[in-house]
Amino acid sequence: MANIHIAESTLSSIAEAIREKWWLAGSMHVSEIVGWLTSIKSTGDYQNIKNSSYLTFPELKSINVIAMFGENLISISLPNCSYIGSSAFNNCYNLSYISIPNCSYIGSSAFYNCSNLSSISIPNCSYIGDYAFAYCSKLSSISLPNCSYIGSYVFSGCENLISISLPNCSYIGSSAFIFCYSLTNSCVQDILDNYKSYSNVLNYGVFQYCSNITSLDLTGYTSIGDHAFAYCTSLTSISIPNCSYIADHAFNTCTNLSYISIPNCSYIGSSAFNYCSSLTNSCVQDILNTYKSYSTAINTGVFYRCNGITSLDLTGYTSIGGNAFNNCTNLTSISLPNCSYIGSNAFAYCSNLFSISLPNCSYIGSNAFAYCSNLFSISLPNCSYIGSNAFRYCSSLTSISLPNCSYIGNGAFASCTKLESIYVLSISVPTLLNTNAFYSTPLSNSTYLGHFGSIYVLSSLVNSFKTATNWKVYSSRIVAYTP
């Protein structure tokens, strides 16, 4: 039999082909160097990877497969990989080490929930997609010197992330660092100092729940997005001298925030300082003194549960939004000489508010002063509309005058247990929406004061009141007013 000569290069190719077929058949070791593979594009060919714990792909350039790697993976080296597609390592719970020194692109959710990954170096990465490292709960530090784009929720839930370097980032997406409880104040300040050279706008929820932030200088920023610093419970002071726009809930539940400077802000969104219980009265007064040069309306819930507020002069404001000062339990007095509109629940549960003058107010919304248990005096000479439960449980209120009222809603004065007299002196009988407007008051029950209260009306309208819908229930208490 004649000898057959095969070139060494051919033998090498045959050996590599046999090895590949053997590997694809499912005979791969737990630890393997896969030198022949340059790209992964489908799961069908390489299901065997899911069983591997330690992998090295020296020639692999890109990974385009969703959830290609399994929960057994502990370590992987990709020295020449430049592209990692969406969800490539999604839920690799045991992955603790990855080397990707030449990667320039990381797709959305690429390392989502890799809860054992503690550190990673990506010196050449320029793009990181949404949720890429979300819930990598052991990740403590990361350096991204060349990254220009950070998508939304990229580091969401990285609760042990202490430091991150982003010197050249030109875009930081919504909620990028939400739930990063351990990010240091200095790290956040560095991020912001670098970022403002590219953008003066902070996106939605970007540092929400970053509870290690204590004090920030945001000079240069003009817009703070929704929830941007919400629940930053250690934040005590912040300066934003150039800011013109503060979105809804921007500082919601910053419970230790006592000082904020926003001298040029022309828009303050709903619930912007909701639950900022440490904001001082002088700080709030300063905010409102400058803000009224831009707007005469205070939005919904702006100072909800701001218990540091004690007394305010709101001269110049014409509209107070719903819940604007709800539950400001230390508020004792407020001046609103120009206000024409009080929204629903605006001052509800302000339990220490004892006096208020509203000479130009025409509309009081539902529950506006409900549960203001110390309110004993209120002036409403021009009010035409009183909403449902507007003064419910104002248990110190003894008398009220309504010379121009045309509408009284359900339970408007219900449970005002000391309300002895009400002066309804309008030139026509107002609409009384329901008979319960004076429920549990001396006007309906004599046991509170030992006698019934009185409803005073113009003498020319006594009979009209006594026969009018719902008013007739109180006919025995309707009395002609004598100046």
Protein backbone atom coordinates (compact mmCIF):
# COMPACT_ATOMS: atom_id res chain seq x y z
CA MET A 1 0.00 0.00 0.00
CA ALA A 2 1.39 3.39 -1.01
CA ASN A 3 2.21 6.04 1.60
CA ILE A 4 -0.14 9.11 1.73
CA HIS A 5 1.49 12.43 2.61
CA ILE A 6 -0.76 15.18 4.18
CA ALA A 7 0.52 18.67 4.77
CA GLU A 8 0.80 19.80 8.42
CA SER A 9 -1.53 22.77 7.77
CA THR A 10 -4.17 20.45 6.39
CA LEU A 11 -3.93 18.17 9.41
CA SER A 12 -4.35 21.19 11.65
CA SER A 13 -7.48 22.24 9.78
CA ILE A 14 -8.92 18.73 9.98
CA ALA A 15 -8.19 18.57 13.72
CA GLU A 16 -9.84 21.92 14.30
CA ALA A 17 -12.90 20.85 12.31
CA ILE A 18 -13.18 17.61 14.29
CA ARG A 19 -12.84 19.56 17.54
CA GLU A 20 -15.56 21.97 16.50
CA LYS A 21 -17.96 19.13 15.60
CA TRP A 22 -17.16 17.41 18.90
CA TRP A 23 -17.80 20.68 20.82
CA LEU A 24 -21.04 21.40 19.02
CA ALA A 25 -22.21 17.87 19.79
CA GLY A 26 -22.19 18.73 23.48
CA SER A 27 -18.88 17.34 24.68
CA MET A 28 -17.45 20.65 25.85
CA HIS A 29 -15.50 20.81 29.09
CA VAL A 30 -16.57 22.98 32.04
CA SER A 31 -13.46 25.08 31.30
CA GLU A 32 -12.59 25.69 27.68
CA ILE A 33 -10.54 27.94 25.41
CA VAL A 34 -12.47 28.33 22.17
CA GLY A 35 -9.91 29.66 19.76
CA TRP A 36 -11.68 29.08 16.47
CA LEU A 37 -14.88 31.04 17.23
CA THR A 38 -15.06 34.63 15.90
CA SER A 39 -18.79 35.43 16.32
CA ILE A 40 -21.92 34.07 18.00
CA LYS A 41 -25.08 34.78 16.04
CA SER A 42 -27.61 32.12 17.01
CA THR A 43 -28.42 29.93 19.99
CA GLY A 44 -29.13 26.82 17.94
CA ASP A 45 -25.50 26.00 17.21
CA TYR A 46 -24.03 26.66 20.64
CA GLN A 47 -26.48 25.54 23.31
CA ASN A 48 -23.54 23.76 24.94
CA ILE A 49 -22.18 27.13 26.15
CA LYS A 50 -24.94 27.28 28.76
CA ASN A 51 -23.32 24.46 30.69
CA SER A 52 -19.89 26.07 30.88
CA SER A 53 -18.38 27.85 33.91
CA TYR A 54 -15.04 29.20 32.63
CA LEU A 55 -14.68 30.38 29.06
CA THR A 56 -12.06 32.13 26.97
CA PHE A 57 -12.78 33.28 23.43
CA PRO A 58 -9.52 34.82 22.17
CA GLU A 59 -10.79 35.50 18.64
CA LEU A 60 -14.46 36.28 19.33
CA LYS A 61 -15.36 39.69 17.89
CA SER A 62 -19.12 39.94 18.58
CA ILE A 63 -21.99 38.34 20.48
CA ASN A 64 -25.45 38.85 19.02
CA VAL A 65 -27.42 36.20 20.88
CA ILE A 66 -29.97 36.80 23.63
CA ALA A 67 -29.26 34.86 26.83
CA MET A 68 -26.46 32.91 25.16
CA PHE A 69 -24.70 32.13 28.42
CA GLY A 70 -26.19 30.19 31.32
CA GLU A 71 -26.31 30.53 35.07
CA ASN A 72 -23.26 28.24 35.46
CA LEU A 73 -20.94 30.81 33.92
CA ILE A 74 -18.42 32.16 36.48
CA SER A 75 -15.67 33.70 34.37
CA ILE A 76 -15.26 34.73 30.77
CA SER A 77 -12.45 36.38 28.85
CA LEU A 78 -13.17 38.18 25.59
CA PRO A 79 -9.94 40.04 24.76
CA ASN A 80 -10.93 40.95 21.20
CA CYS A 81 -14.68 41.28 21.46
CA SER A 82 -15.92 44.73 20.40
CA TYR A 83 -19.67 44.14 20.38
CA ILE A 84 -21.92 42.57 23.04
CA GLY A 85 -25.53 42.43 21.99
CA SER A 86 -28.73 42.76 23.99
CA SER A 87 -29.24 40.35 26.91
CA ALA A 88 -26.10 38.38 26.04
CA PHE A 89 -25.33 37.62 29.71
CA ASN A 90 -28.82 38.25 31.06
CA ASN A 91 -29.37 36.44 34.39
CA CYS A 92 -25.88 34.93 34.59
CA TYR A 93 -26.25 34.95 38.36
CA ASN A 94 -22.83 33.42 39.07
CA LEU A 95 -20.75 35.50 36.70
CA SER A 96 -18.09 37.18 38.86
CA TYR A 97 -15.39 38.03 36.32
CA ILE A 98 -15.40 39.29 32.77
CA SER A 99 -12.60 40.75 30.71
CA ILE A 100 -13.65 42.84 27.71
CA PRO A 101 -10.83 45.36 27.24
CA ASN A 102 -11.67 46.15 23.62
CA CYS A 103 -15.45 46.24 23.78
CA SER A 104 -16.95 49.43 22.34
CA TYR A 105 -20.67 48.55 22.39
CA ILE A 106 -22.79 46.93 25.12
CA GLY A 107 -26.43 46.33 24.25
CA SER A 108 -29.52 46.67 26.38
CA SER A 109 -29.80 44.28 29.36
CA ALA A 110 -26.47 42.70 28.38
CA PHE A 111 -25.50 41.99 32.00
CA TYR A 112 -28.94 42.36 33.57
CA ASN A 113 -29.15 40.70 36.98
CA CYS A 114 -25.56 39.43 37.00
CA SER A 115 -25.76 39.65 40.75
CA ASN A 116 -22.24 38.31 41.49
CA LEU A 117 -20.37 40.69 39.20
CA SER A 118 -18.40 43.00 41.51
CA SER A 119 -16.16 44.98 39.16
CA ILE A 120 -15.57 45.45 35.47
CA SER A 121 -13.19 47.47 33.33
CA ILE A 122 -14.41 48.64 29.93
CA PRO A 123 -11.83 51.24 28.90
CA ASN A 124 -12.89 51.45 25.26
CA CYS A 125 -16.66 51.25 25.53
CA SER A 126 -18.51 54.21 24.04
CA TYR A 127 -22.12 53.00 24.19
CA ILE A 128 -24.06 51.23 26.96
CA GLY A 129 -27.70 50.37 26.28
CA ASP A 130 -30.74 50.49 28.57
CA TYR A 131 -30.63 48.24 31.65
CA ALA A 132 -27.20 46.92 30.64
CA PHE A 133 -25.98 46.46 34.25
CA ALA A 134 -29.32 46.72 36.04
CA TYR A 135 -29.47 44.77 39.31
CA CYS A 136 -25.80 43.85 39.30
CA SER A 137 -26.15 44.15 43.04
CA LYS A 138 -22.48 43.45 43.91
CA LEU A 139 -21.00 45.84 41.39
CA SER A 140 -19.02 48.35 43.43
CA SER A 141 -16.97 50.30 40.89
CA ILE A 142 -16.71 50.80 37.17
CA SER A 143 -14.51 52.96 34.96
CA LEU A 144 -15.83 54.17 31.61
CA PRO A 145 -13.26 56.73 30.41
CA ASN A 146 -14.46 56.75 26.80
CA CYS A 147 -18.17 56.19 27.22
CA SER A 148 -20.32 58.86 25.57
CA TYR A 149 -23.76 57.28 25.95
CA ILE A 150 -25.44 55.80 29.03
CA GLY A 151 -28.97 54.59 28.35
CA SER A 152 -31.98 54.49 30.67
CA TYR A 153 -31.80 52.39 33.85
CA VAL A 154 -28.27 51.23 33.00
CA PHE A 155 -27.18 50.89 36.65
CA SER A 156 -30.64 50.56 38.16
CA GLY A 157 -30.55 48.55 41.38
CA CYS A 158 -26.73 48.47 41.62
CA GLU A 159 -27.14 48.97 45.33
CA ASN A 160 -23.42 48.58 46.17
CA LEU A 161 -22.08 50.78 43.40
CA ILE A 162 -19.82 53.30 45.16
CA SER A 163 -17.92 54.92 42.33
CA ILE A 164 -18.18 55.34 38.61
CA SER A 165 -15.99 57.37 36.30
CA LEU A 166 -17.69 59.04 33.31
CA PRO A 167 -15.38 61.86 32.23
CA ASN A 168 -16.58 61.99 28.62
CA CYS A 169 -20.23 61.05 28.77
CA SER A 170 -22.50 63.29 26.68
CA TYR A 171 -25.80 61.54 27.40
CA ILE A 172 -27.14 60.03 30.62
CA GLY A 173 -30.56 58.44 30.24
CA SER A 174 -33.59 58.38 32.50
CA SER A 175 -33.18 56.64 35.86
CA ALA A 176 -29.63 55.67 34.94
CA PHE A 177 -28.59 55.44 38.62
CA ILE A 178 -31.94 54.77 40.31
CA PHE A 179 -31.59 52.64 43.47
CA CYS A 180 -27.81 53.17 43.58
CA TYR A 181 -27.97 53.62 47.33
CA SER A 182 -24.19 53.59 47.86
CA LEU A 183 -23.04 56.13 45.25
CA THR A 184 -20.96 58.67 47.15
CA ASN A 185 -21.72 62.38 47.13
CA SER A 186 -18.29 63.16 45.62
CA CYS A 187 -18.83 60.64 42.84
CA VAL A 188 -22.20 62.15 41.91
CA GLN A 189 -20.74 65.67 42.02
CA ASP A 190 -17.92 64.56 39.69
CA ILE A 191 -20.42 63.01 37.26
CA LEU A 192 -22.46 66.22 37.24
CA ASP A 193 -19.42 68.49 36.92
CA ASN A 194 -18.29 66.59 33.82
CA TYR A 195 -21.74 66.12 32.32
CA LYS A 196 -22.71 69.81 32.31
CA SER A 197 -20.12 70.49 29.61
CA TYR A 198 -22.31 68.37 27.33
CA SER A 199 -25.83 68.97 28.66
CA ASN A 200 -27.55 71.33 31.11
CA VAL A 201 -30.56 69.02 31.49
CA LEU A 202 -30.91 66.16 33.97
CA ASN A 203 -33.26 63.42 32.82
CA TYR A 204 -36.12 61.69 34.59
CA GLY A 205 -35.20 59.89 37.82
CA VAL A 206 -31.47 59.93 37.07
CA PHE A 207 -30.40 59.84 40.75
CA GLN A 208 -33.66 58.70 42.31
CA TYR A 209 -33.14 56.80 45.59
CA CYS A 210 -29.42 57.67 45.71
CA SER A 211 -29.58 57.97 49.47
CA ASN A 212 -25.87 58.80 49.99
CA ILE A 213 -26.08 62.18 48.26
CA THR A 214 -25.80 64.96 50.87
CA SER A 215 -25.06 68.28 49.16
CA LEU A 216 -24.75 69.30 45.51
CA ASP A 217 -23.79 72.32 43.46
CA LEU A 218 -25.68 72.21 40.16
CA THR A 219 -24.41 75.49 38.76
CA GLY A 220 -24.90 75.44 35.00
CA TYR A 221 -27.95 73.18 34.95
CA THR A 222 -31.14 74.75 33.65
CA SER A 223 -33.60 71.85 33.86
CA ILE A 224 -34.16 69.16 36.49
CA GLY A 225 -36.31 66.26 35.27
CA ASP A 226 -39.17 64.39 36.93
CA HIS A 227 -38.05 62.46 40.04
CA ALA A 228 -34.41 63.37 39.29
CA PHE A 229 -33.48 63.42 43.01
CA ALA A 230 -36.63 61.90 44.49
CA TYR A 231 -36.06 59.87 47.67
CA CYS A 232 -32.51 61.17 48.14
CA THR A 233 -33.17 61.08 51.86
CA SER A 234 -29.71 62.29 52.95
CA LEU A 235 -29.69 65.35 50.70
CA THR A 236 -29.58 68.45 52.91
CA SER A 237 -28.76 71.30 50.52
CA ILE A 238 -28.62 71.99 46.82
CA SER A 239 -27.79 75.04 44.73
CA ILE A 240 -29.16 75.44 41.19
CA PRO A 241 -28.60 79.13 40.37
CA ASN A 242 -29.23 78.82 36.62
CA CYS A 243 -32.22 76.49 36.77
CA SER A 244 -35.40 77.64 35.03
CA TYR A 245 -37.36 74.38 35.13
CA ILE A 246 -38.03 71.92 37.94
CA ALA A 247 -40.23 69.05 36.84
CA ASP A 248 -42.85 67.10 38.79
CA HIS A 249 -41.61 65.22 41.87
CA ALA A 250 -38.02 66.37 41.24
CA PHE A 251 -37.18 66.40 44.98
CA ASN A 252 -40.05 64.26 46.24
CA THR A 253 -39.38 62.80 49.72
CA CYS A 254 -35.99 64.42 50.22
CA THR A 255 -36.85 64.35 53.90
CA ASN A 256 -33.63 66.02 55.11
CA LEU A 257 -33.49 68.75 52.47
CA SER A 258 -33.47 72.00 54.44
CA TYR A 259 -32.09 74.42 51.85
CA ILE A 260 -32.42 74.86 48.11
CA SER A 261 -31.47 77.87 46.00
CA ILE A 262 -33.38 78.35 42.73
CA PRO A 263 -33.36 82.14 42.17
CA ASN A 264 -34.14 81.96 38.45
CA CYS A 265 -36.69 79.17 38.30
CA SER A 266 -39.70 79.98 36.12
CA TYR A 267 -41.49 76.65 36.49
CA ILE A 268 -41.94 74.42 39.55
CA GLY A 269 -43.83 71.23 38.75
CA SER A 270 -46.42 69.29 40.72
CA SER A 271 -45.19 67.71 43.96
CA ALA A 272 -41.69 69.07 43.32
CA PHE A 273 -40.97 69.27 47.08
CA ASN A 274 -43.54 66.74 48.25
CA TYR A 275 -42.56 65.30 51.69
CA CYS A 276 -39.54 67.63 52.05
CA SER A 277 -40.33 67.81 55.72
CA SER A 278 -37.10 69.64 56.69
CA LEU A 279 -37.39 72.58 54.29
CA THR A 280 -37.24 75.69 56.44
CA ASN A 281 -39.94 78.33 56.41
CA SER A 282 -37.45 80.99 55.27
CA CYS A 283 -36.27 78.79 52.38
CA VAL A 284 -39.83 78.21 51.16
CA GLN A 285 -40.63 81.92 51.50
CA ASP A 286 -37.52 82.79 49.46
CA ILE A 287 -38.50 80.31 46.76
CA LEU A 288 -42.01 81.76 46.55
CA ASN A 289 -40.82 85.37 46.63
CA THR A 290 -38.71 84.86 43.50
CA TYR A 291 -41.07 82.44 41.76
CA LYS A 292 -44.02 84.84 41.70
CA SER A 293 -42.16 87.06 39.22
CA TYR A 294 -42.57 84.17 36.75
CA SER A 295 -45.87 82.62 37.80
CA THR A 296 -48.81 83.50 40.06
CA ALA A 297 -49.95 79.86 40.32
CA ILE A 298 -48.58 77.24 42.71
CA ASN A 299 -48.89 73.76 41.23
CA THR A 300 -50.47 70.65 42.69
CA GLY A 301 -48.80 69.18 45.78
CA VAL A 302 -45.66 71.34 45.53
CA PHE A 303 -45.16 71.62 49.30
CA TYR A 304 -47.22 68.64 50.47
CA ARG A 305 -46.17 67.58 54.00
CA CYS A 306 -43.48 70.26 54.26
CA ASN A 307 -43.72 70.44 58.03
CA GLY A 308 -41.03 73.11 58.35
CA ILE A 309 -43.44 75.72 56.99
CA THR A 310 -44.96 77.85 59.76
CA SER A 311 -46.17 81.12 58.23
CA LEU A 312 -46.23 82.38 54.65
CA ASP A 313 -46.99 85.58 52.79
CA LEU A 314 -48.29 84.62 49.36
CA THR A 315 -49.07 88.12 48.17
CA GLY A 316 -49.22 88.10 44.37
CA TYR A 317 -50.36 84.51 43.98
CA THR A 318 -53.78 84.04 42.40
CA SER A 319 -54.07 80.24 42.32
CA ILE A 320 -53.15 77.50 44.80
CA GLY A 321 -53.20 74.02 43.30
CA GLY A 322 -54.67 70.90 44.83
CA ASN A 323 -52.70 69.47 47.77
CA ALA A 324 -50.20 72.36 47.49
CA PHE A 325 -49.83 72.68 51.28
CA ASN A 326 -51.70 69.55 52.36
CA ASN A 327 -50.49 68.17 55.70
CA CYS A 328 -48.24 71.14 56.49
CA THR A 329 -49.04 70.50 60.12
CA ASN A 330 -46.97 73.38 61.52
CA LEU A 331 -48.48 76.05 59.28
CA THR A 332 -50.28 78.55 61.54
CA SER A 333 -51.05 81.48 59.26
CA ILE A 334 -51.02 82.37 55.61
CA SER A 335 -51.74 85.55 53.67
CA LEU A 336 -53.37 85.26 50.25
CA PRO A 337 -54.71 88.73 49.41
CA ASN A 338 -54.76 88.21 45.63
CA CYS A 339 -55.82 84.56 45.47
CA SER A 340 -58.98 83.71 43.52
CA TYR A 341 -58.67 79.91 43.37
CA ILE A 342 -57.97 77.32 46.07
CA GLY A 343 -57.69 73.77 44.72
CA SER A 344 -58.88 70.52 46.24
CA ASN A 345 -57.10 69.51 49.47
CA ALA A 346 -54.85 72.58 49.18
CA PHE A 347 -54.64 73.10 52.96
CA ALA A 348 -56.23 69.86 54.18
CA TYR A 349 -54.85 68.53 57.48
CA CYS A 350 -53.05 71.80 58.29
CA SER A 351 -54.04 71.10 61.85
CA ASN A 352 -52.41 74.23 63.35
CA LEU A 353 -53.74 76.74 60.82
CA PHE A 354 -55.89 79.06 62.91
CA SER A 355 -56.67 82.03 60.69
CA ILE A 356 -56.79 82.82 56.99
CA SER A 357 -57.99 85.77 54.94
CA LEU A 358 -59.09 85.27 51.34
CA PRO A 359 -60.58 88.64 50.31
CA ASN A 360 -60.56 87.90 46.57
CA CYS A 361 -61.10 84.16 46.50
CA SER A 362 -64.07 83.03 44.41
CA TYR A 363 -63.48 79.26 44.33
CA ILE A 364 -62.68 76.84 47.13
CA GLY A 365 -62.23 73.23 46.00
CA SER A 366 -63.29 70.04 47.70
CA ASN A 367 -61.55 69.27 51.02
CA ALA A 368 -59.54 72.49 50.68
CA PHE A 369 -59.45 73.10 54.44
CA ALA A 370 -60.71 69.72 55.66
CA TYR A 371 -59.38 68.63 59.05
CA CYS A 372 -57.95 72.08 59.86
CA SER A 373 -58.98 71.44 63.43
CA ASN A 374 -57.66 74.75 64.84
CA LEU A 375 -59.11 77.01 62.16
CA PHE A 376 -61.47 79.36 63.95
CA SER A 377 -61.51 82.36 61.61
CA ILE A 378 -61.78 82.69 57.85
CA SER A 379 -62.85 85.59 55.70
CA LEU A 380 -64.51 84.85 52.34
CA PRO A 381 -66.22 88.07 51.17
CA ASN A 382 -66.13 87.19 47.46
CA CYS A 383 -66.33 83.40 47.44
CA SER A 384 -69.04 82.06 45.15
CA TYR A 385 -68.17 78.33 45.13
CA ILE A 386 -67.49 76.08 48.13
CA GLY A 387 -66.70 72.50 47.16
CA SER A 388 -67.61 69.23 48.84
CA ASN A 389 -66.15 68.78 52.34
CA ALA A 390 -64.26 72.06 51.96
CA PHE A 391 -64.32 72.75 55.72
CA ARG A 392 -65.15 69.29 57.00
CA TYR A 393 -63.88 68.63 60.54
CA CYS A 394 -62.86 72.26 61.11
CA SER A 395 -63.85 71.66 64.69
CA SER A 396 -62.79 75.11 65.99
CA LEU A 397 -64.72 77.13 63.41
CA THR A 398 -67.52 79.05 65.17
CA SER A 399 -68.82 81.42 62.51
CA ILE A 400 -68.46 82.10 58.81
CA SER A 401 -69.76 84.79 56.49
CA LEU A 402 -70.62 84.10 52.83
CA PRO A 403 -71.97 87.33 51.33
CA ASN A 404 -71.56 86.26 47.68
CA CYS A 405 -71.88 82.48 47.72
CA SER A 406 -73.82 80.73 44.96
CA TYR A 407 -72.88 77.06 45.57
CA ILE A 408 -72.26 74.90 48.64
CA GLY A 409 -71.19 71.29 48.03
CA ASN A 410 -71.76 67.99 49.86
CA GLY A 411 -70.61 68.00 53.48
CA ALA A 412 -68.99 71.43 53.04
CA PHE A 413 -69.18 72.18 56.77
CA ALA A 414 -69.87 68.68 58.09
CA SER A 415 -68.47 67.89 61.55
CA CYS A 416 -67.72 71.54 62.34
CA THR A 417 -68.92 70.86 65.85
CA LYS A 418 -68.63 74.47 67.08
CA LEU A 419 -70.18 76.17 64.04
CA GLU A 420 -72.88 78.21 65.71
CA SER A 421 -73.65 80.72 63.00
CA ILE A 422 -73.31 81.05 59.25
CA TYR A 423 -74.16 84.20 57.33
CA VAL A 424 -75.38 83.45 53.80
CA LEU A 425 -76.01 87.01 52.64
CA SER A 426 -76.00 86.59 48.86
CA ILE A 427 -78.79 88.28 46.90
CA SER A 428 -80.16 84.95 45.68
CA VAL A 429 -80.53 81.53 47.28
CA PRO A 430 -77.31 79.53 46.70
CA THR A 431 -77.42 75.96 45.48
CA LEU A 432 -77.14 73.58 48.42
CA LEU A 433 -76.11 70.34 46.76
CA ASN A 434 -77.16 68.05 49.60
CA THR A 435 -78.75 68.24 53.03
CA ASN A 436 -75.52 66.90 54.59
CA ALA A 437 -73.67 70.19 54.10
CA PHE A 438 -74.08 70.92 57.83
CA TYR A 439 -74.13 67.35 59.09
CA SER A 440 -72.84 66.93 62.66
CA THR A 441 -72.86 70.66 63.39
CA PRO A 442 -74.98 72.74 65.80
CA LEU A 443 -77.02 73.70 62.74
CA SER A 444 -78.34 70.14 62.57
CA ASN A 445 -77.81 68.86 66.10
CA SER A 446 -78.47 70.81 69.31
CA THR A 447 -76.38 68.55 71.54
CA TYR A 448 -73.04 70.11 70.59
CA LEU A 449 -73.72 73.50 72.15
CA GLY A 450 -76.89 72.74 74.06
CA HIS A 451 -78.87 74.63 71.41
CA PHE A 452 -79.23 74.90 67.67
CA GLY A 453 -77.11 77.26 65.63
CA SER A 454 -78.48 79.79 63.17
CA ILE A 455 -78.32 80.42 59.43
CA TYR A 456 -78.60 84.15 58.79
CA VAL A 457 -79.99 85.31 55.44
CA LEU A 458 -81.27 88.56 53.96
CA SER A 459 -84.73 89.30 55.34
CA SER A 460 -86.15 89.48 51.81
CA LEU A 461 -85.05 85.87 51.16
CA VAL A 462 -86.12 84.13 54.38
CA ASN A 463 -89.13 82.45 52.84
CA SER A 464 -87.24 81.56 49.68
CA PHE A 465 -84.55 79.81 51.76
CA LYS A 466 -87.12 77.97 53.87
CA THR A 467 -88.74 76.45 50.78
CA ALA A 468 -85.63 75.93 48.63
CA THR A 469 -84.32 72.45 47.81
CA ASN A 470 -82.23 71.06 50.69
CA TRP A 471 -82.33 74.39 52.56
CA LYS A 472 -85.84 73.63 53.79
CA VAL A 473 -84.41 70.88 56.04
CA TYR A 474 -82.90 73.73 58.07
CA SER A 475 -85.97 75.98 57.93
CA SER A 476 -86.25 76.27 61.71
CA ARG A 477 -82.68 77.57 61.88
CA ILE A 478 -83.04 80.16 59.07
CA VAL A 479 -83.16 83.64 60.54
CA ALA A 480 -83.45 87.10 59.02
CA TYR A 481 -80.20 88.98 59.24
CA THR A 482 -80.32 92.31 60.99
CA PRO A 483 -77.18 94.45 60.50
